[in-house]
Amino acid sequence: MATANDVIKGAFNNLAIYSPTDSVGDDDASAALTKLNDYLNGLNARGCVFESVALTLTDPVPTSDQNLGDLKWALAKYMAPMWGKVLEGDALRMASTAERRFIAANTVLLPAKADGGLLNMPGQRTWW
């Protein structure tokens, strides 16, 4: 499992702020960690199933490894304005698509409930 620090480094790499070989500064890592926690906690309002998180840099991120790339792009889109970056063109399309995929992968639809009146189809009705 990837840690919060791995996701943050990937998001900075997507924004071209740090290269993959650079270490993220303490102030930037702290600010990005706050953004990551805010982003994941805000997903509950969009139908995702994340318990309230308060990650540290060394904590594993509560998502599967196959969704990490999407989370890195979604976080990059979310924190870009804080570092004075503007995603445009292909980068914006990739970030938006990745965010939708990440949300879809973590959304659970609740079973629908129907009462007996909804189960009677018009062809089943009798008229007196």
C-alpha atoms as a PDB file:
ATOM      1  CA  MET A   1       0.000   0.000   0.000  1.00  0.00           C
ATOM      2  CA  ALA A   2       1.147   3.497  -0.780  1.00  0.00           C
ATOM      3  CA  THR A   3       1.589   6.075   1.929  1.00  0.00           C
ATOM      4  CA  ALA A   4       0.232   9.603   1.959  1.00  0.00           C
ATOM      5  CA  ASN A   5       3.756  10.811   1.187  1.00  0.00           C
ATOM      6  CA  ASP A   6       3.810   8.689  -2.004  1.00  0.00           C
ATOM      7  CA  VAL A   7       0.519  10.211  -3.165  1.00  0.00           C
ATOM      8  CA  ILE A   8       1.735  13.733  -2.381  1.00  0.00           C
ATOM      9  CA  LYS A   9       5.024  13.205  -4.243  1.00  0.00           C
ATOM     10  CA  GLY A  10       3.073  11.874  -7.237  1.00  0.00           C
ATOM     11  CA  ALA A  11       0.750  14.885  -7.213  1.00  0.00           C
ATOM     12  CA  PHE A  12       3.722  17.278  -7.072  1.00  0.00           C
ATOM     13  CA  ASN A  13       5.308  15.358  -9.938  1.00  0.00           C
ATOM     14  CA  ASN A  14       2.095  15.720 -11.988  1.00  0.00           C
ATOM     15  CA  LEU A  15       2.166  19.472 -11.321  1.00  0.00           C
ATOM     16  CA  ALA A  16       5.886  19.616 -12.275  1.00  0.00           C
ATOM     17  CA  ILE A  17       6.771  21.219  -8.933  1.00  0.00           C
ATOM     18  CA  TYR A  18       9.123  18.460  -7.780  1.00  0.00           C
ATOM     19  CA  SER A  19      10.775  15.790  -9.866  1.00  0.00           C
ATOM     20  CA  PRO A  20      10.432  12.149  -8.793  1.00  0.00           C
ATOM     21  CA  THR A  21      13.986  12.159  -7.427  1.00  0.00           C
ATOM     22  CA  ASP A  22      13.578  15.322  -5.322  1.00  0.00           C
ATOM     23  CA  SER A  23      12.410  15.199  -1.741  1.00  0.00           C
ATOM     24  CA  VAL A  24       9.400  17.333  -0.894  1.00  0.00           C
ATOM     25  CA  GLY A  25      10.079  20.184   1.525  1.00  0.00           C
ATOM     26  CA  ASP A  26       8.563  19.951   4.999  1.00  0.00           C
ATOM     27  CA  ASP A  27       6.311  22.996   4.565  1.00  0.00           C
ATOM     28  CA  ASP A  28       5.046  21.813   1.176  1.00  0.00           C
ATOM     29  CA  ALA A  29       4.493  18.275   2.479  1.00  0.00           C
ATOM     30  CA  SER A  30       2.510  19.573   5.455  1.00  0.00           C
ATOM     31  CA  ALA A  31       0.331  21.821   3.295  1.00  0.00           C
ATOM     32  CA  ALA A  32      -0.232  19.039   0.747  1.00  0.00           C
ATOM     33  CA  LEU A  33      -1.114  16.585   3.524  1.00  0.00           C
ATOM     34  CA  THR A  34      -3.789  18.984   4.750  1.00  0.00           C
ATOM     35  CA  LYS A  35      -5.148  19.190   1.194  1.00  0.00           C
ATOM     36  CA  LEU A  36      -5.132  15.382   0.872  1.00  0.00           C
ATOM     37  CA  ASN A  37      -7.051  14.938   4.133  1.00  0.00           C
ATOM     38  CA  ASP A  38      -9.526  17.665   3.115  1.00  0.00           C
ATOM     39  CA  TYR A  39     -10.003  16.078  -0.306  1.00  0.00           C
ATOM     40  CA  LEU A  40     -10.616  12.570   1.041  1.00  0.00           C
ATOM     41  CA  ASN A  41     -12.946  13.818   3.795  1.00  0.00           C
ATOM     42  CA  GLY A  42     -14.885  15.892   1.249  1.00  0.00           C
ATOM     43  CA  LEU A  43     -15.582  12.870  -0.932  1.00  0.00           C
ATOM     44  CA  ASN A  44     -18.213  11.580   1.497  1.00  0.00           C
ATOM     45  CA  ALA A  45     -20.490  14.410   0.397  1.00  0.00           C
ATOM     46  CA  ARG A  46     -20.138  13.145  -3.180  1.00  0.00           C
ATOM     47  CA  GLY A  47     -21.273   9.607  -2.373  1.00  0.00           C
ATOM     48  CA  CYS A  48     -17.908   8.004  -1.696  1.00  0.00           C
ATOM     49  CA  VAL A  49     -17.319   5.723   1.222  1.00  0.00           C
ATOM     50  CA  PHE A  50     -14.347   7.042   3.135  1.00  0.00           C
ATOM     51  CA  GLU A  51     -14.408   7.174   6.858  1.00  0.00           C
ATOM     52  CA  SER A  52     -13.127  10.432   8.257  1.00  0.00           C
ATOM     53  CA  VAL A  53      -9.377  10.367   7.793  1.00  0.00           C
ATOM     54  CA  ALA A  54      -6.569  12.221   9.510  1.00  0.00           C
ATOM     55  CA  LEU A  55      -3.561  10.811   7.677  1.00  0.00           C
ATOM     56  CA  THR A  56       0.056  11.465   8.531  1.00  0.00           C
ATOM     57  CA  LEU A  57       2.760  11.274   5.886  1.00  0.00           C
ATOM     58  CA  THR A  58       3.617   7.686   6.776  1.00  0.00           C
ATOM     59  CA  ASP A  59       0.033   6.361   6.986  1.00  0.00           C
ATOM     60  CA  PRO A  60      -1.232   4.128   4.172  1.00  0.00           C
ATOM     61  CA  VAL A  61      -3.852   5.744   1.971  1.00  0.00           C
ATOM     62  CA  PRO A  62      -7.242   3.971   2.258  1.00  0.00           C
ATOM     63  CA  THR A  63      -7.601   3.011  -1.393  1.00  0.00           C
ATOM     64  CA  SER A  64      -6.516   0.172  -3.611  1.00  0.00           C
ATOM     65  CA  ASP A  65      -3.232   0.373  -5.490  1.00  0.00           C
ATOM     66  CA  GLN A  66      -5.019   0.411  -8.852  1.00  0.00           C
ATOM     67  CA  ASN A  67      -6.619   3.768  -7.935  1.00  0.00           C
ATOM     68  CA  LEU A  68      -3.429   5.506  -6.804  1.00  0.00           C
ATOM     69  CA  GLY A  69      -2.655   7.107 -10.157  1.00  0.00           C
ATOM     70  CA  ASP A  70      -6.142   8.579 -10.287  1.00  0.00           C
ATOM     71  CA  LEU A  71      -5.833   9.870  -6.719  1.00  0.00           C
ATOM     72  CA  LYS A  72      -2.500  11.537  -7.538  1.00  0.00           C
ATOM     73  CA  TRP A  73      -4.053  13.374 -10.497  1.00  0.00           C
ATOM     74  CA  ALA A  74      -7.175  14.304  -8.525  1.00  0.00           C
ATOM     75  CA  LEU A  75      -5.050  15.674  -5.688  1.00  0.00           C
ATOM     76  CA  ALA A  76      -2.895  17.584  -8.169  1.00  0.00           C
ATOM     77  CA  LYS A  77      -6.027  19.218  -9.592  1.00  0.00           C
ATOM     78  CA  TYR A  78      -7.291  20.041  -6.094  1.00  0.00           C
ATOM     79  CA  MET A  79      -4.061  21.600  -4.853  1.00  0.00           C
ATOM     80  CA  ALA A  80      -2.808  23.275  -8.060  1.00  0.00           C
ATOM     81  CA  PRO A  81      -4.122  26.767  -7.207  1.00  0.00           C
ATOM     82  CA  MET A  82      -2.314  26.709  -3.861  1.00  0.00           C
ATOM     83  CA  TRP A  83       1.026  26.456  -5.699  1.00  0.00           C
ATOM     84  CA  GLY A  84       0.085  28.894  -8.449  1.00  0.00           C
ATOM     85  CA  LYS A  85      -0.363  26.244 -11.125  1.00  0.00           C
ATOM     86  CA  VAL A  86      -3.097  26.103 -13.733  1.00  0.00           C
ATOM     87  CA  LEU A  87      -3.888  22.789 -15.368  1.00  0.00           C
ATOM     88  CA  GLU A  88      -4.646  23.244 -19.048  1.00  0.00           C
ATOM     89  CA  GLY A  89      -5.220  21.099 -22.085  1.00  0.00           C
ATOM     90  CA  ASP A  90      -4.242  17.451 -21.757  1.00  0.00           C
ATOM     91  CA  ALA A  91      -3.219  17.803 -18.109  1.00  0.00           C
ATOM     92  CA  LEU A  92      -6.652  19.187 -17.188  1.00  0.00           C
ATOM     93  CA  ARG A  93      -8.410  16.429 -19.147  1.00  0.00           C
ATOM     94  CA  MET A  94      -6.291  13.760 -17.495  1.00  0.00           C
ATOM     95  CA  ALA A  95      -6.885  15.198 -14.018  1.00  0.00           C
ATOM     96  CA  SER A  96     -10.636  15.537 -14.533  1.00  0.00           C
ATOM     97  CA  THR A  97     -10.959  12.022 -15.948  1.00  0.00           C
ATOM     98  CA  ALA A  98      -8.832  10.584 -13.148  1.00  0.00           C
ATOM     99  CA  GLU A  99     -10.942  12.355 -10.526  1.00  0.00           C
ATOM    100  CA  ARG A 100     -14.170  10.946 -11.999  1.00  0.00           C
ATOM    101  CA  ARG A 101     -12.663   7.444 -12.119  1.00  0.00           C
ATOM    102  CA  PHE A 102     -11.451   7.698  -8.525  1.00  0.00           C
ATOM    103  CA  ILE A 103     -14.848   8.866  -7.288  1.00  0.00           C
ATOM    104  CA  ALA A 104     -16.648   6.173  -9.279  1.00  0.00           C
ATOM    105  CA  ALA A 105     -14.343   3.464  -7.932  1.00  0.00           C
ATOM    106  CA  ASN A 106     -15.093   4.484  -4.357  1.00  0.00           C
ATOM    107  CA  THR A 107     -18.817   5.155  -4.645  1.00  0.00           C
ATOM    108  CA  VAL A 108     -21.290   2.664  -3.238  1.00  0.00           C
ATOM    109  CA  LEU A 109     -24.890   2.755  -4.334  1.00  0.00           C
ATOM    110  CA  LEU A 110     -27.345   1.895  -1.609  1.00  0.00           C
ATOM    111  CA  PRO A 111     -30.045  -0.640  -2.477  1.00  0.00           C
ATOM    112  CA  ALA A 112     -33.238   1.006  -3.597  1.00  0.00           C
ATOM    113  CA  LYS A 113     -36.403   0.362  -1.629  1.00  0.00           C
ATOM    114  CA  ALA A 114     -39.734   0.065  -3.362  1.00  0.00           C
ATOM    115  CA  ASP A 115     -43.175  -0.260  -1.861  1.00  0.00           C
ATOM    116  CA  GLY A 116     -45.902  -2.527  -3.212  1.00  0.00           C
ATOM    117  CA  GLY A 117     -47.561   0.276  -5.192  1.00  0.00           C
ATOM    118  CA  LEU A 118     -44.518   0.689  -7.381  1.00  0.00           C
ATOM    119  CA  LEU A 119     -44.428  -2.967  -8.265  1.00  0.00           C
ATOM    120  CA  ASN A 120     -47.804  -2.961 -10.035  1.00  0.00           C
ATOM    121  CA  MET A 121     -47.203  -2.262 -13.673  1.00  0.00           C
ATOM    122  CA  PRO A 122     -49.906  -0.613 -15.796  1.00  0.00           C
ATOM    123  CA  GLY A 123     -50.595  -3.902 -17.572  1.00  0.00           C
ATOM    124  CA  GLN A 124     -51.383  -5.513 -14.216  1.00  0.00           C
ATOM    125  CA  ARG A 125     -54.075  -2.996 -13.270  1.00  0.00           C
ATOM    126  CA  THR A 126     -57.720  -3.896 -13.616  1.00  0.00           C
ATOM    127  CA  TRP A 127     -60.411  -1.339 -14.294  1.00  0.00           C
ATOM    128  CA  TRP A 128     -63.936  -1.906 -13.005  1.00  0.00           C
END
